[in-house]
Amino acid sequence: MHKPTSQDPLHGITLKTIVTRLVEKYGWPELGNRIKIKCFINQPSITSSLKFLRKTAWARAEVESLYLQSKWD
């Protein structure tokens, strides 16, 4: 029997992985320019960003959208 596959392009990718990869690709300053949220601009850290993004749906959607639009090797 064939298992159905998820149509979600982010299926299996954690929020921590998304934020970490975006920081590695763009750096905090550029990430803060692209997505205007305080946790990316003022004393940014992965931990503070995850805490905010887990509570704030619109910000998480912005981060996920940027991740999907980014070119990855």
N, C-alpha and C. Protein backbone atom coordinates (compact mmCIF):
# COMPACT_ATOMS: atom_id res chain seq x y z
N MET A 1 0.84 -1.19 0.00
CA MET A 1 0.00 0.00 0.00
C MET A 1 0.88 1.24 0.00
N HIS A 2 0.53 2.23 -0.77
CA HIS A 2 1.31 3.46 -0.91
C HIS A 2 0.84 4.49 0.11
N LYS A 3 1.79 5.06 0.86
CA LYS A 3 1.45 6.10 1.83
C LYS A 3 1.27 7.43 1.11
N PRO A 4 0.23 8.19 1.50
CA PRO A 4 0.07 9.51 0.89
C PRO A 4 1.18 10.45 1.35
N THR A 5 1.64 11.29 0.44
CA THR A 5 2.69 12.25 0.78
C THR A 5 2.07 13.61 1.04
N SER A 6 2.71 14.36 1.89
CA SER A 6 2.21 15.69 2.25
C SER A 6 2.42 16.66 1.09
N GLN A 7 1.44 17.52 0.88
CA GLN A 7 1.55 18.56 -0.14
C GLN A 7 2.24 19.81 0.41
N ASP A 8 2.49 19.84 1.71
CA ASP A 8 3.13 20.97 2.37
C ASP A 8 4.63 20.97 2.06
N PRO A 9 5.14 22.02 1.39
CA PRO A 9 6.57 22.04 1.04
C PRO A 9 7.47 22.15 2.28
N LEU A 10 6.91 22.53 3.41
CA LEU A 10 7.71 22.64 4.64
C LEU A 10 7.55 21.41 5.53
N HIS A 11 6.85 20.40 5.05
CA HIS A 11 6.65 19.18 5.83
C HIS A 11 8.00 18.57 6.24
N GLY A 12 8.18 18.37 7.53
CA GLY A 12 9.40 17.75 8.04
C GLY A 12 10.52 18.72 8.33
N ILE A 13 10.32 20.01 8.07
CA ILE A 13 11.33 21.02 8.34
C ILE A 13 10.90 21.82 9.57
N THR A 14 11.72 21.82 10.60
CA THR A 14 11.36 22.51 11.83
C THR A 14 11.54 24.02 11.67
N LEU A 15 10.84 24.76 12.52
CA LEU A 15 10.98 26.21 12.52
C LEU A 15 12.41 26.60 12.87
N LYS A 16 13.03 25.85 13.76
CA LYS A 16 14.42 26.12 14.13
C LYS A 16 15.34 25.97 12.92
N THR A 17 15.12 24.96 12.13
CA THR A 17 15.92 24.75 10.91
C THR A 17 15.71 25.90 9.94
N ILE A 18 14.46 26.32 9.78
CA ILE A 18 14.16 27.42 8.86
C ILE A 18 14.89 28.69 9.28
N VAL A 19 14.76 29.07 10.56
CA VAL A 19 15.40 30.29 11.04
C VAL A 19 16.91 30.18 10.95
N THR A 20 17.46 29.06 11.34
CA THR A 20 18.92 28.86 11.31
C THR A 20 19.45 28.99 9.89
N ARG A 21 18.79 28.36 8.94
CA ARG A 21 19.25 28.43 7.55
C ARG A 21 19.14 29.83 6.98
N LEU A 22 18.05 30.55 7.34
CA LEU A 22 17.90 31.93 6.87
C LEU A 22 18.99 32.83 7.44
N VAL A 23 19.32 32.64 8.71
CA VAL A 23 20.39 33.43 9.33
C VAL A 23 21.73 33.12 8.67
N GLU A 24 21.99 31.85 8.39
CA GLU A 24 23.24 31.47 7.72
C GLU A 24 23.32 32.08 6.32
N LYS A 25 22.20 32.13 5.63
CA LYS A 25 22.17 32.63 4.26
C LYS A 25 22.24 34.16 4.20
N TYR A 26 21.44 34.84 5.03
CA TYR A 26 21.30 36.28 4.93
C TYR A 26 22.00 37.06 6.04
N GLY A 27 22.17 36.46 7.21
CA GLY A 27 22.68 37.18 8.36
C GLY A 27 21.54 37.96 9.02
N TRP A 28 21.71 38.29 10.30
CA TRP A 28 20.67 39.00 11.03
C TRP A 28 20.32 40.36 10.43
N PRO A 29 21.31 41.19 10.05
CA PRO A 29 20.95 42.51 9.51
C PRO A 29 20.06 42.43 8.27
N GLU A 30 20.40 41.57 7.33
CA GLU A 30 19.61 41.44 6.11
C GLU A 30 18.25 40.80 6.40
N LEU A 31 18.22 39.85 7.31
CA LEU A 31 16.96 39.22 7.69
C LEU A 31 16.03 40.26 8.31
N GLY A 32 16.59 41.14 9.15
CA GLY A 32 15.82 42.23 9.75
C GLY A 32 15.33 43.23 8.71
N ASN A 33 16.09 43.43 7.64
CA ASN A 33 15.66 44.31 6.55
C ASN A 33 14.52 43.69 5.75
N ARG A 34 14.60 42.39 5.55
CA ARG A 34 13.59 41.71 4.74
C ARG A 34 12.28 41.50 5.50
N ILE A 35 12.41 41.19 6.80
CA ILE A 35 11.22 40.97 7.64
C ILE A 35 11.39 41.86 8.86
N LYS A 36 10.58 42.89 8.94
CA LYS A 36 10.72 43.92 9.98
C LYS A 36 10.10 43.44 11.30
N ILE A 37 10.83 42.62 12.03
CA ILE A 37 10.38 42.22 13.35
C ILE A 37 11.54 42.43 14.33
N LYS A 38 11.18 42.86 15.51
CA LYS A 38 12.16 43.28 16.51
C LYS A 38 13.17 42.17 16.86
N CYS A 39 12.70 40.93 16.90
CA CYS A 39 13.60 39.85 17.30
C CYS A 39 14.69 39.57 16.25
N PHE A 40 14.56 40.13 15.05
CA PHE A 40 15.61 40.02 14.04
C PHE A 40 16.53 41.24 14.04
N ILE A 41 16.10 42.31 14.69
CA ILE A 41 16.83 43.58 14.64
C ILE A 41 17.54 43.91 15.94
N ASN A 42 16.86 43.76 17.06
CA ASN A 42 17.38 44.17 18.36
C ASN A 42 17.87 42.95 19.15
N GLN A 43 19.17 42.80 19.28
CA GLN A 43 19.80 41.67 19.97
C GLN A 43 19.23 40.32 19.50
N PRO A 44 19.37 40.03 18.22
CA PRO A 44 18.75 38.82 17.67
C PRO A 44 19.42 37.54 18.18
N SER A 45 18.60 36.53 18.33
CA SER A 45 19.09 35.19 18.63
C SER A 45 18.08 34.18 18.11
N ILE A 46 18.54 32.98 17.89
CA ILE A 46 17.65 31.91 17.44
C ILE A 46 16.56 31.69 18.48
N THR A 47 16.94 31.62 19.75
CA THR A 47 15.99 31.34 20.83
C THR A 47 14.88 32.38 20.91
N SER A 48 15.26 33.67 20.92
CA SER A 48 14.24 34.72 21.01
C SER A 48 13.36 34.74 19.77
N SER A 49 13.94 34.48 18.63
CA SER A 49 13.17 34.46 17.38
C SER A 49 12.15 33.33 17.39
N LEU A 50 12.58 32.15 17.81
CA LEU A 50 11.66 31.01 17.86
C LEU A 50 10.51 31.27 18.82
N LYS A 51 10.82 31.84 19.97
CA LYS A 51 9.80 32.15 20.96
C LYS A 51 8.74 33.08 20.36
N PHE A 52 9.18 34.14 19.69
CA PHE A 52 8.27 35.10 19.08
C PHE A 52 7.49 34.46 17.93
N LEU A 53 8.17 33.76 17.05
CA LEU A 53 7.53 33.20 15.86
C LEU A 53 6.49 32.13 16.21
N ARG A 54 6.70 31.40 17.28
CA ARG A 54 5.74 30.37 17.69
C ARG A 54 4.44 30.99 18.20
N LYS A 55 4.52 32.23 18.67
CA LYS A 55 3.33 32.93 19.19
C LYS A 55 2.66 33.83 18.16
N THR A 56 3.35 34.17 17.09
CA THR A 56 2.88 35.21 16.18
C THR A 56 2.75 34.64 14.76
N ALA A 57 1.52 34.30 14.42
CA ALA A 57 1.26 33.61 13.16
C ALA A 57 1.69 34.41 11.93
N TRP A 58 1.42 35.72 11.90
CA TRP A 58 1.76 36.51 10.71
C TRP A 58 3.27 36.55 10.49
N ALA A 59 4.04 36.65 11.59
CA ALA A 59 5.50 36.69 11.46
C ALA A 59 6.04 35.34 11.00
N ARG A 60 5.49 34.28 11.55
CA ARG A 60 5.91 32.95 11.13
C ARG A 60 5.61 32.74 9.64
N ALA A 61 4.47 33.21 9.19
CA ALA A 61 4.12 33.08 7.78
C ALA A 61 5.11 33.83 6.90
N GLU A 62 5.54 35.01 7.35
CA GLU A 62 6.54 35.79 6.60
C GLU A 62 7.86 35.03 6.50
N VAL A 63 8.29 34.45 7.61
CA VAL A 63 9.56 33.70 7.64
C VAL A 63 9.47 32.47 6.75
N GLU A 64 8.37 31.74 6.84
CA GLU A 64 8.20 30.56 6.01
C GLU A 64 8.15 30.93 4.53
N SER A 65 7.51 32.04 4.21
CA SER A 65 7.44 32.50 2.83
C SER A 65 8.83 32.85 2.29
N LEU A 66 9.61 33.57 3.09
CA LEU A 66 10.98 33.90 2.67
C LEU A 66 11.79 32.63 2.46
N TYR A 67 11.64 31.67 3.34
CA TYR A 67 12.37 30.40 3.23
C TYR A 67 12.02 29.71 1.91
N LEU A 68 10.74 29.69 1.58
CA LEU A 68 10.31 29.02 0.35
C LEU A 68 10.76 29.77 -0.90
N GLN A 69 10.87 31.10 -0.82
CA GLN A 69 11.29 31.90 -1.97
C GLN A 69 12.81 31.90 -2.17
N SER A 70 13.54 31.54 -1.14
CA SER A 70 15.01 31.56 -1.20
C SER A 70 15.54 30.40 -2.04
N LYS A 71 16.64 30.65 -2.70
CA LYS A 71 17.30 29.60 -3.50
C LYS A 71 18.26 28.83 -2.59
N TRP A 72 18.13 27.52 -2.57
CA TRP A 72 18.98 26.69 -1.71
C TRP A 72 19.78 25.73 -2.57
N ASP A 73 21.01 25.51 -2.17
CA ASP A 73 21.90 24.59 -2.90
C ASP A 73 21.55 23.15 -2.59
